[in-house]
C-alpha atoms as a PDB file:
ATOM      1  CA  MET A   1     147.417  14.625 108.029  1.00  0.00           C
ATOM      2  CA  ILE A   2     145.751  16.346 111.045  1.00  0.00           C
ATOM      3  CA  ASP A   3     148.590  15.268 113.307  1.00  0.00           C
ATOM      4  CA  ASP A   4     150.926  17.066 110.607  1.00  0.00           C
ATOM      5  CA  TYR A   5     148.021  20.166 110.370  1.00  0.00           C
ATOM      6  CA  ASN A   6     148.875  20.847 113.887  1.00  0.00           C
ATOM      7  CA  SER A   7     152.388  20.564 113.819  1.00  0.00           C
ATOM      8  CA  LYS A   8     152.403  23.391 111.249  1.00  0.00           C
ATOM      9  CA  ILE A   9     150.141  25.393 113.554  1.00  0.00           C
ATOM     10  CA  GLU A  10     152.088  24.818 116.610  1.00  0.00           C
ATOM     11  CA  ASP A  11     155.554  25.726 114.601  1.00  0.00           C
ATOM     12  CA  LEU A  12     153.591  28.778 112.872  1.00  0.00           C
ATOM     13  CA  ASN A  13     152.863  30.051 116.407  1.00  0.00           C
ATOM     14  CA  GLU A  14     156.480  29.412 117.805  1.00  0.00           C
ATOM     15  CA  ILE A  15     157.219  32.002 114.546  1.00  0.00           C
ATOM     16  CA  ILE A  16     155.099  34.580 114.928  1.00  0.00           C
ATOM     17  CA  GLY A  17     155.088  34.554 119.012  1.00  0.00           C
ATOM     18  CA  MET A  18     151.586  33.803 119.404  1.00  0.00           C
ATOM     19  CA  ASP A  19     150.426  32.245 122.562  1.00  0.00           C
ATOM     20  CA  GLU A  20     147.845  29.351 122.160  1.00  0.00           C
ATOM     21  CA  ASP A  21     146.659  30.674 125.750  1.00  0.00           C
ATOM     22  CA  TYR A  22     143.046  32.023 125.680  1.00  0.00           C
ATOM     23  CA  THR A  23     143.723  35.363 127.606  1.00  0.00           C
ATOM     24  CA  GLU A  24     146.178  36.363 124.878  1.00  0.00           C
ATOM     25  CA  ILE A  25     143.404  35.782 122.085  1.00  0.00           C
ATOM     26  CA  LYS A  26     141.551  37.814 124.711  1.00  0.00           C
ATOM     27  CA  ARG A  27     143.895  40.752 125.461  1.00  0.00           C
ATOM     28  CA  ARG A  28     144.058  41.292 121.835  1.00  0.00           C
ATOM     29  CA  ASN A  29     140.349  41.626 121.324  1.00  0.00           C
ATOM     30  CA  ASN A  30     140.229  44.244 124.235  1.00  0.00           C
ATOM     31  CA  LYS A  31     142.563  45.758 122.469  1.00  0.00           C
ATOM     32  CA  ASN A  32     140.840  45.921 119.252  1.00  0.00           C
ATOM     33  CA  SER A  33     137.745  46.915 120.992  1.00  0.00           C
ATOM     34  CA  ARG A  34     139.474  50.047 122.774  1.00  0.00           C
ATOM     35  CA  TRP A  35     140.399  51.064 119.690  1.00  0.00           C
ATOM     36  CA  ASN A  36     137.337  50.731 118.238  1.00  0.00           C
ATOM     37  CA  ILE A  37     136.361  52.806 121.030  1.00  0.00           C
ATOM     38  CA  ILE A  38     138.702  55.808 120.151  1.00  0.00           C
ATOM     39  CA  ILE A  39     138.100  55.621 116.686  1.00  0.00           C
ATOM     40  CA  GLY A  40     134.630  56.330 117.416  1.00  0.00           C
ATOM     41  CA  ILE A  41     134.651  58.878 119.989  1.00  0.00           C
ATOM     42  CA  SER A  42     136.980  60.888 117.246  1.00  0.00           C
ATOM     43  CA  CYS A  43     134.848  60.473 114.615  1.00  0.00           C
ATOM     44  CA  VAL A  44     132.159  62.133 116.739  1.00  0.00           C
ATOM     45  CA  ALA A  45     134.532  64.398 117.730  1.00  0.00           C
ATOM     46  CA  LEU A  46     135.320  65.867 113.989  1.00  0.00           C
ATOM     47  CA  LEU A  47     131.613  65.402 113.172  1.00  0.00           C
ATOM     48  CA  GLY A  48     130.662  67.516 116.582  1.00  0.00           C
ATOM     49  CA  TYR A  49     133.593  70.283 115.482  1.00  0.00           C
ATOM     50  CA  SER A  50     132.021  70.379 111.843  1.00  0.00           C
ATOM     51  CA  ILE A  51     128.582  71.294 113.344  1.00  0.00           C
ATOM     52  CA  LEU A  52     130.125  74.144 115.901  1.00  0.00           C
ATOM     53  CA  VAL A  53     131.949  75.735 112.858  1.00  0.00           C
ATOM     54  CA  VAL A  54     127.930  75.426 110.389  1.00  0.00           C
ATOM     55  CA  PHE A  55     126.555  76.540 113.620  1.00  0.00           C
ATOM     56  CA  GLN A  56     128.599  79.431 113.925  1.00  0.00           C
ATOM     57  CA  GLN A  57     128.800  80.509 110.010  1.00  0.00           C
ATOM     58  CA  ILE A  58     124.859  80.609 110.605  1.00  0.00           C
ATOM     59  CA  ILE A  59     124.792  83.054 113.652  1.00  0.00           C
ATOM     60  CA  THR A  60     127.426  85.445 111.465  1.00  0.00           C
ATOM     61  CA  LEU A  61     124.717  84.959 108.524  1.00  0.00           C
ATOM     62  CA  ASN A  62     121.539  85.712 110.908  1.00  0.00           C
ATOM     63  CA  ASN A  63     123.048  88.697 112.511  1.00  0.00           C
ATOM     64  CA  THR A  64     124.269  90.258 109.064  1.00  0.00           C
ATOM     65  CA  ASN A  65     120.650  89.865 107.282  1.00  0.00           C
ATOM     66  CA  SER A  66     119.201  91.183 110.723  1.00  0.00           C
ATOM     67  CA  THR A  67     120.768  94.357 110.503  1.00  0.00           C
ATOM     68  CA  ALA A  68     120.721  94.498 106.373  1.00  0.00           C
ATOM     69  CA  ASP A  69     116.858  93.973 107.059  1.00  0.00           C
ATOM     70  CA  ILE A  70     116.606  96.749 109.745  1.00  0.00           C
ATOM     71  CA  LEU A  71     118.985  99.025 107.358  1.00  0.00           C
ATOM     72  CA  GLU A  72     116.491  98.402 104.383  1.00  0.00           C
ATOM     73  CA  GLU A  73     113.387  99.709 106.692  1.00  0.00           C
ATOM     74  CA  SER A  74     115.863 102.282 108.574  1.00  0.00           C
ATOM     75  CA  SER A  75     116.699 104.123 104.625  1.00  0.00           C
ATOM     76  CA  LYS A  76     113.337 103.885 103.355  1.00  0.00           C
ATOM     77  CA  ARG A  77     112.668 106.642 105.740  1.00  0.00           C
ATOM     78  CA  LEU A  78     114.744 109.312 103.911  1.00  0.00           C
ATOM     79  CA  TYR A  79     111.803 108.263 100.759  1.00  0.00           C
ATOM     80  CA  TYR A  80     109.401 109.200 102.635  1.00  0.00           C
ATOM     81  CA  VAL A  81     109.809 112.158 104.252  1.00  0.00           C
ATOM     82  CA  GLN A  82     112.063 113.478 100.618  1.00  0.00           C
ATOM     83  CA  ASN A  83     108.500 112.819  98.940  1.00  0.00           C
ATOM     84  CA  ILE A  84     106.646 114.644 101.555  1.00  0.00           C
ATOM     85  CA  GLN A  85     108.700 117.808 101.208  1.00  0.00           C
ATOM     86  CA  TYR A  86     108.533 117.532  97.446  1.00  0.00           C
ATOM     87  CA  PHE A  87     104.518 116.768  97.277  1.00  0.00           C
ATOM     88  CA  THR A  88     104.070 119.991  99.724  1.00  0.00           C
ATOM     89  CA  HIS A  89     105.076 122.126  96.893  1.00  0.00           C
ATOM     90  CA  GLU A  90     103.473 120.457  94.585  1.00  0.00           C
ATOM     91  CA  VAL A  91     100.044 121.060  96.419  1.00  0.00           C
ATOM     92  CA  ILE A  92     100.937 124.501  96.237  1.00  0.00           C
ATOM     93  CA  HIS A  93     101.959 124.191  92.898  1.00  0.00           C
ATOM     94  CA  GLN A  94      99.179 123.103  90.959  1.00  0.00           C
ATOM     95  CA  ASP A  95     101.379 122.233  88.242  1.00  0.00           C
ATOM     96  CA  ARG A  96      98.728 120.426  85.406  1.00  0.00           C
ATOM     97  CA  THR A  97     101.561 119.329  83.332  1.00  0.00           C
ATOM     98  CA  LEU A  98     102.685 116.789  86.156  1.00  0.00           C
ATOM     99  CA  PHE A  99      99.715 115.733  88.229  1.00  0.00           C
ATOM    100  CA  LEU A 100      95.900 115.711  87.879  1.00  0.00           C
ATOM    101  CA  GLU A 101      94.066 117.615  90.278  1.00  0.00           C
ATOM    102  CA  GLY A 102      93.813 116.104  93.342  1.00  0.00           C
ATOM    103  CA  GLU A 103      96.648 113.893  92.790  1.00  0.00           C
ATOM    104  CA  PRO A 104      99.246 115.932  94.689  1.00  0.00           C
ATOM    105  CA  GLU A 105      97.006 115.469  97.823  1.00  0.00           C
ATOM    106  CA  ARG A 106      96.731 111.817  97.549  1.00  0.00           C
ATOM    107  CA  LEU A 107     100.549 111.469  96.969  1.00  0.00           C
ATOM    108  CA  LEU A 108     101.561 113.387  99.691  1.00  0.00           C
ATOM    109  CA  ASN A 109      98.608 111.653 102.337  1.00  0.00           C
ATOM    110  CA  ASN A 110      99.824 108.117 100.583  1.00  0.00           C
ATOM    111  CA  ASN A 111     103.709 109.099 101.782  1.00  0.00           C
ATOM    112  CA  ILE A 112     102.719 110.356 105.305  1.00  0.00           C
ATOM    113  CA  TYR A 113     100.564 107.119 105.814  1.00  0.00           C
ATOM    114  CA  MET A 114     103.609 104.711 104.847  1.00  0.00           C
ATOM    115  CA  LEU A 115     106.145 106.921 106.668  1.00  0.00           C
ATOM    116  CA  LYS A 116     103.911 106.267 109.997  1.00  0.00           C
ATOM    117  CA  LYS A 117     103.331 102.705 109.212  1.00  0.00           C
ATOM    118  CA  LEU A 118     107.154 102.246 108.522  1.00  0.00           C
ATOM    119  CA  GLN A 119     107.940 103.970 112.138  1.00  0.00           C
ATOM    120  CA  GLU A 120     105.365 101.444 113.864  1.00  0.00           C
ATOM    121  CA  SER A 121     106.937  98.692 112.132  1.00  0.00           C
ATOM    122  CA  LEU A 122     110.446  99.794 113.290  1.00  0.00           C
ATOM    123  CA  LYS A 123     109.394 100.262 116.917  1.00  0.00           C
ATOM    124  CA  ASP A 124     107.970  96.826 117.405  1.00  0.00           C
ATOM    125  CA  GLY A 125     109.848  94.881 114.773  1.00  0.00           C
ATOM    126  CA  SER A 126     106.634  93.989 113.048  1.00  0.00           C
ATOM    127  CA  TYR A 127     108.309  93.927 109.564  1.00  0.00           C
ATOM    128  CA  GLY A 128     109.902  90.946 110.288  1.00  0.00           C
ATOM    129  CA  GLY A 129     113.281  92.067 111.694  1.00  0.00           C
ATOM    130  CA  PRO A 130     114.979  93.261 114.863  1.00  0.00           C
ATOM    131  CA  THR A 131     114.108  96.639 116.562  1.00  0.00           C
ATOM    132  CA  PHE A 132     117.020  99.862 117.499  1.00  0.00           C
ATOM    133  CA  ASP A 133     116.401  98.063 120.775  1.00  0.00           C
ATOM    134  CA  ASN A 134     118.895  95.881 119.575  1.00  0.00           C
ATOM    135  CA  TYR A 135     121.076  98.345 119.137  1.00  0.00           C
ATOM    136  CA  PRO A 136     122.021 100.646 122.243  1.00  0.00           C
ATOM    137  CA  GLU A 137     124.875 102.267 120.340  1.00  0.00           C
ATOM    138  CA  LEU A 138     122.462 104.782 118.696  1.00  0.00           C
ATOM    139  CA  ASP A 139     120.755 106.105 121.616  1.00  0.00           C
ATOM    140  CA  PHE A 140     121.912 109.074 121.393  1.00  0.00           C
ATOM    141  CA  ILE A 141     120.425 109.613 118.095  1.00  0.00           C
ATOM    142  CA  LEU A 142     117.004 107.644 118.339  1.00  0.00           C
ATOM    143  CA  LYS A 143     116.389 108.715 122.460  1.00  0.00           C
ATOM    144  CA  ASP A 144     118.256 111.147 123.610  1.00  0.00           C
ATOM    145  CA  THR A 145     118.283 115.139 122.637  1.00  0.00           C
ATOM    146  CA  GLY A 146     121.158 116.742 120.402  1.00  0.00           C
ATOM    147  CA  CYS A 147     121.665 118.684 117.372  1.00  0.00           C
ATOM    148  CA  TYR A 148     123.434 116.611 114.595  1.00  0.00           C
ATOM    149  CA  ARG A 149     124.001 117.655 111.318  1.00  0.00           C
ATOM    150  CA  VAL A 150     125.939 115.936 108.017  1.00  0.00           C
ATOM    151  CA  GLU A 151     124.619 118.178 105.315  1.00  0.00           C
ATOM    152  CA  GLY A 152     122.604 121.738 105.677  1.00  0.00           C
ATOM    153  CA  THR A 153     123.429 124.532 108.310  1.00  0.00           C
ATOM    154  CA  PRO A 154     126.131 123.266 110.888  1.00  0.00           C
ATOM    155  CA  CYS A 155     124.467 122.976 114.468  1.00  0.00           C
ATOM    156  CA  GLU A 156     126.303 126.181 115.654  1.00  0.00           C
ATOM    157  CA  ASN A 157     125.424 128.135 112.592  1.00  0.00           C
ATOM    158  CA  LEU A 158     121.744 127.770 113.141  1.00  0.00           C
ATOM    159  CA  ASN A 159     119.260 130.556 113.604  1.00  0.00           C
ATOM    160  CA  TYR A 160     116.290 129.954 115.614  1.00  0.00           C
ATOM    161  CA  ASN A 161     112.515 131.356 115.352  1.00  0.00           C
ATOM    162  CA  GLU A 162     110.811 130.926 118.523  1.00  0.00           C
ATOM    163  CA  THR A 163     107.873 133.020 118.049  1.00  0.00           C
ATOM    164  CA  SER A 164     106.010 131.579 114.981  1.00  0.00           C
ATOM    165  CA  LEU A 165     103.747 128.884 114.825  1.00  0.00           C
ATOM    166  CA  PHE A 166     105.970 127.235 112.438  1.00  0.00           C
ATOM    167  CA  GLY A 167     109.144 128.469 113.499  1.00  0.00           C
ATOM    168  CA  PHE A 168     111.945 126.430 113.691  1.00  0.00           C
ATOM    169  CA  SER A 169     113.332 126.152 117.616  1.00  0.00           C
ATOM    170  CA  GLU A 170     115.888 124.872 119.503  1.00  0.00           C
ATOM    171  CA  VAL A 171     113.983 122.525 121.302  1.00  0.00           C
ATOM    172  CA  VAL A 172     112.931 120.749 118.154  1.00  0.00           C
ATOM    173  CA  SER A 173     116.227 120.794 116.604  1.00  0.00           C
ATOM    174  CA  ILE A 174     117.289 118.449 119.259  1.00  0.00           C
ATOM    175  CA  LEU A 175     114.409 116.043 119.577  1.00  0.00           C
ATOM    176  CA  PRO A 176     115.336 112.668 119.149  1.00  0.00           C
ATOM    177  CA  LEU A 177     115.144 111.050 115.267  1.00  0.00           C
ATOM    178  CA  ASN A 178     111.606 109.088 115.994  1.00  0.00           C
ATOM    179  CA  GLU A 179     109.970 112.487 118.082  1.00  0.00           C
ATOM    180  CA  LEU A 180     111.704 114.828 115.106  1.00  0.00           C
ATOM    181  CA  ILE A 181     109.849 112.708 112.615  1.00  0.00           C
ATOM    182  CA  SER A 182     106.845 112.901 114.496  1.00  0.00           C
ATOM    183  CA  GLU A 183     106.881 116.796 114.867  1.00  0.00           C
ATOM    184  CA  TYR A 184     107.643 117.134 111.509  1.00  0.00           C
ATOM    185  CA  LEU A 185     104.154 115.566 110.108  1.00  0.00           C
ATOM    186  CA  TYR A 186     102.252 117.067 112.889  1.00  0.00           C
ATOM    187  CA  TYR A 187     103.543 120.543 111.013  1.00  0.00           C
ATOM    188  CA  VAL A 188     102.498 118.711 107.647  1.00  0.00           C
ATOM    189  CA  HIS A 189      99.018 117.585 108.725  1.00  0.00           C
ATOM    190  CA  ASN A 190      98.968 121.900 110.020  1.00  0.00           C
ATOM    191  CA  PHE A 191     100.035 122.635 106.443  1.00  0.00           C
ATOM    192  CA  ILE A 192      97.874 120.222 104.397  1.00  0.00           C
ATOM    193  CA  ASP A 193      94.620 121.997 107.038  1.00  0.00           C
ATOM    194  CA  ASN A 194      95.900 125.540 106.027  1.00  0.00           C
ATOM    195  CA  VAL A 195      95.558 124.294 102.647  1.00  0.00           C
ATOM    196  CA  LYS A 196      91.924 123.203 102.551  1.00  0.00           C
ATOM    197  CA  GLU A 197      91.344 126.409 104.158  1.00  0.00           C
ATOM    198  CA  GLU A 198      92.823 128.753 101.182  1.00  0.00           C
ATOM    199  CA  ASN A 199      95.649 130.080 103.439  1.00  0.00           C
ATOM    200  CA  TYR A 200      98.086 129.975 100.619  1.00  0.00           C
ATOM    201  CA  ILE A 201      98.288 131.430  96.760  1.00  0.00           C
ATOM    202  CA  GLN A 202      97.455 128.558  94.307  1.00  0.00           C
ATOM    203  CA  LEU A 203      97.661 129.651  91.041  1.00  0.00           C
ATOM    204  CA  PRO A 204      97.829 127.741  87.830  1.00  0.00           C
ATOM    205  CA  PHE A 205     101.718 127.369  86.900  1.00  0.00           C
ATOM    206  CA  THR A 206     101.063 128.258  83.640  1.00  0.00           C
ATOM    207  CA  ASN A 207     102.607 132.182  82.963  1.00  0.00           C
ATOM    208  CA  LYS A 208     105.974 133.191  84.592  1.00  0.00           C
ATOM    209  CA  GLN A 209     104.157 135.784  87.113  1.00  0.00           C
ATOM    210  CA  ASN A 210     102.208 133.202  88.451  1.00  0.00           C
ATOM    211  CA  ILE A 211     104.829 130.892  88.690  1.00  0.00           C
ATOM    212  CA  GLN A 212     107.081 133.885  90.469  1.00  0.00           C
ATOM    213  CA  LEU A 213     104.280 134.798  92.904  1.00  0.00           C
ATOM    214  CA  VAL A 214     104.115 130.962  94.108  1.00  0.00           C
ATOM    215  CA  VAL A 215     107.780 130.746  94.327  1.00  0.00           C
ATOM    216  CA  SER A 216     108.330 133.644  96.254  1.00  0.00           C
ATOM    217  CA  ASN A 217     105.533 132.922  98.541  1.00  0.00           C
ATOM    218  CA  GLU A 218     107.135 129.424  99.602  1.00  0.00           C
ATOM    219  CA  LEU A 219     110.279 131.494 100.215  1.00  0.00           C
ATOM    220  CA  ASN A 220     109.126 133.625 102.526  1.00  0.00           C
ATOM    221  CA  ASP A 221     106.558 131.154 104.051  1.00  0.00           C
ATOM    222  CA  ASN A 222     107.456 130.062 108.066  1.00  0.00           C
ATOM    223  CA  PHE A 223     106.501 126.328 107.317  1.00  0.00           C
ATOM    224  CA  PHE A 224     108.337 126.019 104.300  1.00  0.00           C
ATOM    225  CA  LYS A 225     111.630 127.544 106.140  1.00  0.00           C
ATOM    226  CA  LEU A 226     110.421 125.294 108.816  1.00  0.00           C
ATOM    227  CA  GLN A 227     110.296 122.312 106.559  1.00  0.00           C
ATOM    228  CA  ASN A 228     113.855 122.827 105.416  1.00  0.00           C
ATOM    229  CA  GLU A 229     115.475 122.828 108.491  1.00  0.00           C
ATOM    230  CA  LEU A 230     113.616 119.992 109.910  1.00  0.00           C
ATOM    231  CA  MET A 231     114.882 117.814 106.537  1.00  0.00           C
ATOM    232  CA  ASP A 232     118.012 118.834 107.439  1.00  0.00           C
ATOM    233  CA  SER A 233     117.887 117.534 110.697  1.00  0.00           C
ATOM    234  CA  ILE A 234     116.243 113.986 109.936  1.00  0.00           C
ATOM    235  CA  ILE A 235     118.231 113.284 106.993  1.00  0.00           C
ATOM    236  CA  SER A 236     121.257 113.635 109.141  1.00  0.00           C
ATOM    237  CA  LYS A 237     120.190 111.646 112.041  1.00  0.00           C
ATOM    238  CA  THR A 238     118.925 108.891 109.562  1.00  0.00           C
ATOM    239  CA  LEU A 239     122.161 108.822 107.673  1.00  0.00           C
ATOM    240  CA  ILE A 240     124.188 108.734 110.906  1.00  0.00           C
ATOM    241  CA  ALA A 241     122.017 105.359 112.271  1.00  0.00           C
ATOM    242  CA  ASP A 242     122.636 104.183 108.849  1.00  0.00           C
ATOM    243  CA  ASP A 243     126.203 104.743 108.522  1.00  0.00           C
ATOM    244  CA  TYR A 244     126.157 102.840 111.584  1.00  0.00           C
ATOM    245  CA  LEU A 245     124.278 100.295 110.859  1.00  0.00           C
ATOM    246  CA  ILE A 246     126.281  99.491 107.431  1.00  0.00           C
ATOM    247  CA  ASP A 247     129.573  99.775 110.034  1.00  0.00           C
ATOM    248  CA  HIS A 248     128.003  97.011 111.829  1.00  0.00           C
ATOM    249  CA  ILE A 249     127.692  94.654 108.760  1.00  0.00           C
ATOM    250  CA  ARG A 250     131.056  95.013 108.290  1.00  0.00           C
ATOM    251  CA  VAL A 251     132.112  94.265 111.614  1.00  0.00           C
ATOM    252  CA  GLU A 252     129.933  91.247 111.717  1.00  0.00           C
ATOM    253  CA  ILE A 253     131.573  90.025 108.181  1.00  0.00           C
ATOM    254  CA  GLN A 254     135.025  90.571 109.419  1.00  0.00           C
ATOM    255  CA  LYS A 255     134.338  88.945 112.119  1.00  0.00           C
ATOM    256  CA  GLY A 256     132.929  86.135 110.806  1.00  0.00           C
ATOM    257  CA  LYS A 257     135.735  85.978 108.340  1.00  0.00           C
ATOM    258  CA  SER A 258     138.472  85.792 111.295  1.00  0.00           C
ATOM    259  CA  ASN A 259     136.548  82.892 113.069  1.00  0.00           C
ATOM    260  CA  SER A 260     136.085  81.315 110.340  1.00  0.00           C
ATOM    261  CA  ILE A 261     140.203  81.025 110.069  1.00  0.00           C
ATOM    262  CA  ILE A 262     140.499  80.574 113.615  1.00  0.00           C
ATOM    263  CA  LEU A 263     138.115  77.251 112.915  1.00  0.00           C
ATOM    264  CA  LEU A 264     139.785  76.204 109.667  1.00  0.00           C
ATOM    265  CA  ILE A 265     143.171  76.074 111.379  1.00  0.00           C
ATOM    266  CA  ILE A 266     141.830  74.367 114.668  1.00  0.00           C
ATOM    267  CA  GLY A 267     139.955  71.990 112.328  1.00  0.00           C
ATOM    268  CA  SER A 268     143.343  71.171 110.278  1.00  0.00           C
ATOM    269  CA  LEU A 269     145.006  70.835 112.935  1.00  0.00           C
ATOM    270  CA  LEU A 270     142.305  68.420 115.007  1.00  0.00           C
ATOM    271  CA  ILE A 271     142.051  66.301 111.690  1.00  0.00           C
ATOM    272  CA  ILE A 272     146.184  65.963 111.298  1.00  0.00           C
ATOM    273  CA  PHE A 273     146.130  64.635 115.027  1.00  0.00           C
ATOM    274  CA  VAL A 274     143.081  62.673 114.824  1.00  0.00           C
ATOM    275  CA  ASN A 275     144.697  61.355 111.304  1.00  0.00           C
ATOM    276  CA  PHE A 276     148.482  60.293 112.814  1.00  0.00           C
ATOM    277  CA  PHE A 277     147.529  59.112 116.259  1.00  0.00           C
ATOM    278  CA  VAL A 278     144.411  57.734 115.992  1.00  0.00           C
ATOM    279  CA  PHE A 279     144.200  56.110 112.064  1.00  0.00           C
ATOM    280  CA  ASN A 280     147.469  55.695 111.602  1.00  0.00           C
ATOM    281  CA  LYS A 281     147.918  53.465 114.930  1.00  0.00           C
ATOM    282  CA  VAL A 282     144.737  51.941 113.836  1.00  0.00           C
ATOM    283  CA  TYR A 283     146.023  50.946 110.535  1.00  0.00           C
ATOM    284  CA  SER A 284     149.557  49.772 111.797  1.00  0.00           C
ATOM    285  CA  LEU A 285     147.343  46.939 114.245  1.00  0.00           C
ATOM    286  CA  ARG A 286     145.377  46.022 111.200  1.00  0.00           C
ATOM    287  CA  ALA A 287     148.330  45.594 109.217  1.00  0.00           C
ATOM    288  CA  GLU A 288     150.050  43.721 111.711  1.00  0.00           C
ATOM    289  CA  GLU A 289     147.113  41.297 112.257  1.00  0.00           C
ATOM    290  CA  LEU A 290     147.039  41.390 108.090  1.00  0.00           C
ATOM    291  CA  ASP A 291     150.743  40.032 108.188  1.00  0.00           C
ATOM    292  CA  THR A 292     149.605  37.301 110.839  1.00  0.00           C
ATOM    293  CA  LEU A 293     146.825  36.237 109.083  1.00  0.00           C
ATOM    294  CA  VAL A 294     148.711  35.629 105.718  1.00  0.00           C
ATOM    295  CA  ILE A 295     151.991  34.040 107.260  1.00  0.00           C
ATOM    296  CA  PHE A 296     149.081  31.682 108.920  1.00  0.00           C
ATOM    297  CA  ALA A 297     147.429  31.297 105.825  1.00  0.00           C
ATOM    298  CA  PHE A 298     150.196  29.943 104.140  1.00  0.00           C
ATOM    299  CA  TYR A 299     151.340  28.045 106.367  1.00  0.00           C
ATOM    300  CA  ILE A 300     148.021  25.352 105.759  1.00  0.00           C
ATOM    301  CA  PRO A 301     148.829  22.573 103.728  1.00  0.00           C
ATOM    302  CA  PRO A 302     148.341  22.762 100.179  1.00  0.00           C
ATOM    303  CA  ALA A 303     146.263  20.067 100.452  1.00  0.00           C
ATOM    304  CA  ILE A 304     143.806  20.899 102.992  1.00  0.00           C
ATOM    305  CA  PHE A 305     143.516  24.255 100.787  1.00  0.00           C
ATOM    306  CA  ASN A 306     142.730  22.841  97.622  1.00  0.00           C
ATOM    307  CA  LYS A 307     140.238  21.286  98.788  1.00  0.00           C
ATOM    308  CA  ASN A 308     138.191  24.245  99.482  1.00  0.00           C
ATOM    309  CA  GLU A 309     137.112  26.583  96.855  1.00  0.00           C
ATOM    310  CA  ARG A 310     136.113  29.317  99.163  1.00  0.00           C
ATOM    311  CA  TYR A 311     139.687  29.820 101.178  1.00  0.00           C
ATOM    312  CA  LYS A 312     141.416  28.955  97.867  1.00  0.00           C
ATOM    313  CA  LYS A 313     139.638  31.809  96.465  1.00  0.00           C
ATOM    314  CA  PHE A 314     140.696  33.896  99.212  1.00  0.00           C
ATOM    315  CA  LEU A 315     144.082  32.966  98.860  1.00  0.00           C
ATOM    316  CA  GLU A 316     144.632  34.102  95.121  1.00  0.00           C
ATOM    317  CA  THR A 317     142.289  36.970  95.258  1.00  0.00           C
ATOM    318  CA  GLY A 318     141.794  38.302  98.514  1.00  0.00           C
ATOM    319  CA  ILE A 319     138.268  38.615  98.287  1.00  0.00           C
ATOM    320  CA  THR A 320     135.345  36.390 100.356  1.00  0.00           C
ATOM    321  CA  THR A 321     132.473  35.268  99.093  1.00  0.00           C
ATOM    322  CA  GLU A 322     129.051  34.278 101.223  1.00  0.00           C
END
């Protein structure tokens, strides 16, 4: 029986072109090992590319979030300066239908404090985001002098008052944004001191005559004239800076979309290449080995494999058991 079995194996070797020589077996093993290495490299390449895609998206999100953070903080300046402007009027009005006694002064000082704190946090990044040093394109607003208006009187039509203590001068109008805000707060503090020294007429807002007199004094007062011009400059420069930050966010999002499309195309081509030239080749090699195994298996005499239940089950089901 053994001689007959060996004869069958030799016949099988002749049919499928197998060489009994050990070197042929070794050559096949080496070839399989080489393709295993290629598969490993391909998997690592796909994994690395996936990490690259995720990393690129993280960078885009971080850049966008950072710009959104500083935009949010920068826009708060408008809230505080407009509140300061409003409460300087209420300090004079003393309208008891709106505020309790001393409340306008308290709210005015609180908004001044919050604006100063905000300016410091934008300068050193203590609010948790970037500083304007990361955006040198805004130096013309934040560091250089110049007049910029998006609302109010255009720069070429401004009338300067160089003689009064509270006069709106050309030197003040062209200050960089941060210095302009500091200058405005300086004048507000002077205004508060003048109120304490009773240099302003403060009458109850209870009748028409009082209201007309207080409002008329405000309209003719140099501080309130100066404040209106400073507010136009501060708001304009802040809006220009904020508009740039908004555009920067749009550019980052668009850049992220473009990069994502490019990476998606490259990734798809990479997957197609690996699938066609690597996985298909490996599949073909494994299919050839399986064909060889099947041919070899069915040349084993039934008398032998019927005695081995594990081998018999493998031939019938294709499943191996331990």
